[in-house]
Amino acid sequence: MSKELERAGIPTALLCNLVSIAVRVGAPRIVPTRGIPYPTGDPSLEPEQEREWRRLLLEQALVALGTAVRGPTVFDELTKAA
């Protein structure tokens, strides 16, 4: 779906935990998430910490959306810091 939106001129960012599959299928902008059961959160964190992590994830996705790419590109600054 993201590739079709991109062809129409609409940038997309795929937030996912299976990065290797996203790269293999050619998703243009890939933002890694935490894990399979909780891709956009972490119940082991305190609520305020989890909220902050989610905010950072959203910011990373916005950076990805604003970046021109040629082929699959992984935006993993957030997961490197985690």
Protein backbone atom coordinates (compact mmCIF):
# COMPACT_ATOMS: atom_id res chain seq x y z
CA MET A 1 0.00 0.00 0.00
CA SER A 2 2.79 2.44 0.86
CA LYS A 3 4.40 1.95 -2.55
CA GLU A 4 1.12 2.85 -4.28
CA LEU A 5 0.71 5.98 -2.15
CA GLU A 6 4.30 6.93 -2.97
CA ARG A 7 3.60 6.49 -6.70
CA ALA A 8 0.73 8.95 -6.26
CA GLY A 9 3.15 11.47 -4.73
CA ILE A 10 2.14 10.91 -1.11
CA PRO A 11 5.13 10.14 1.14
CA THR A 12 4.70 7.29 3.60
CA ALA A 13 6.56 5.99 6.65
CA LEU A 14 6.04 2.38 7.68
CA LEU A 15 6.31 1.83 11.43
CA CYS A 16 7.08 -1.85 11.88
CA ASN A 17 8.95 -4.39 13.94
CA LEU A 18 9.88 -6.73 11.07
CA VAL A 19 12.33 -4.40 9.35
CA SER A 20 13.96 -7.05 7.16
CA ILE A 21 10.60 -7.90 5.58
CA ALA A 22 9.78 -4.22 5.02
CA VAL A 23 13.14 -3.76 3.27
CA ARG A 24 12.62 -6.88 1.19
CA VAL A 25 9.20 -5.75 -0.07
CA GLY A 26 10.55 -2.29 -0.89
CA ALA A 27 8.84 -0.04 1.65
CA PRO A 28 10.42 3.38 1.02
CA ARG A 29 10.70 4.75 4.59
CA ILE A 30 10.90 2.31 7.47
CA VAL A 31 10.78 3.29 11.15
CA PRO A 32 11.55 0.36 13.47
CA THR A 33 9.28 -0.15 16.48
CA ARG A 34 9.75 -2.05 19.77
CA GLY A 35 8.48 -5.58 19.31
CA ILE A 36 5.76 -7.84 18.06
CA PRO A 37 3.29 -7.72 20.96
CA TYR A 38 3.63 -3.94 21.50
CA PRO A 39 5.04 -2.28 18.36
CA THR A 40 4.25 1.29 19.39
CA GLY A 41 4.59 1.01 23.14
CA ASP A 42 6.26 -0.79 26.02
CA PRO A 43 4.14 -1.81 29.02
CA SER A 44 7.30 -2.41 31.07
CA LEU A 45 7.92 1.37 31.12
CA GLU A 46 6.32 3.82 33.49
CA PRO A 47 3.43 5.67 31.78
CA GLU A 48 5.40 8.91 31.42
CA GLN A 49 8.42 7.08 29.95
CA GLU A 50 6.19 5.20 27.52
CA ARG A 51 4.51 8.44 26.44
CA GLU A 52 7.94 9.98 25.82
CA TRP A 53 9.04 6.94 23.78
CA ARG A 54 5.88 7.17 21.69
CA ARG A 55 6.47 10.89 21.13
CA LEU A 56 10.01 10.16 19.94
CA LEU A 57 8.69 7.42 17.65
CA LEU A 58 6.25 9.88 16.10
CA GLU A 59 9.00 12.47 15.67
CA GLN A 60 11.17 9.87 13.92
CA ALA A 61 8.28 9.04 11.58
CA LEU A 62 7.85 12.74 10.77
CA VAL A 63 11.57 13.02 9.98
CA ALA A 64 11.20 10.01 7.70
CA LEU A 65 8.20 11.56 5.93
CA GLY A 66 10.15 14.73 5.26
CA THR A 67 13.16 12.92 3.82
CA ALA A 68 13.50 12.14 0.11
CA VAL A 69 14.64 8.54 -0.44
CA ARG A 70 15.56 6.28 -3.35
CA GLY A 71 14.53 2.81 -2.28
CA PRO A 72 14.07 1.28 1.16
CA THR A 73 15.57 3.45 3.90
CA VAL A 74 15.56 2.56 7.60
CA PHE A 75 15.25 5.46 10.05
CA ASP A 76 16.53 3.79 13.21
CA GLU A 77 17.97 6.57 15.36
CA LEU A 78 15.33 5.96 18.03
CA THR A 79 15.92 2.22 18.26
CA LYS A 80 19.69 2.73 18.39
CA ALA A 81 19.16 4.86 21.50
CA ALA A 82 16.74 2.41 23.15
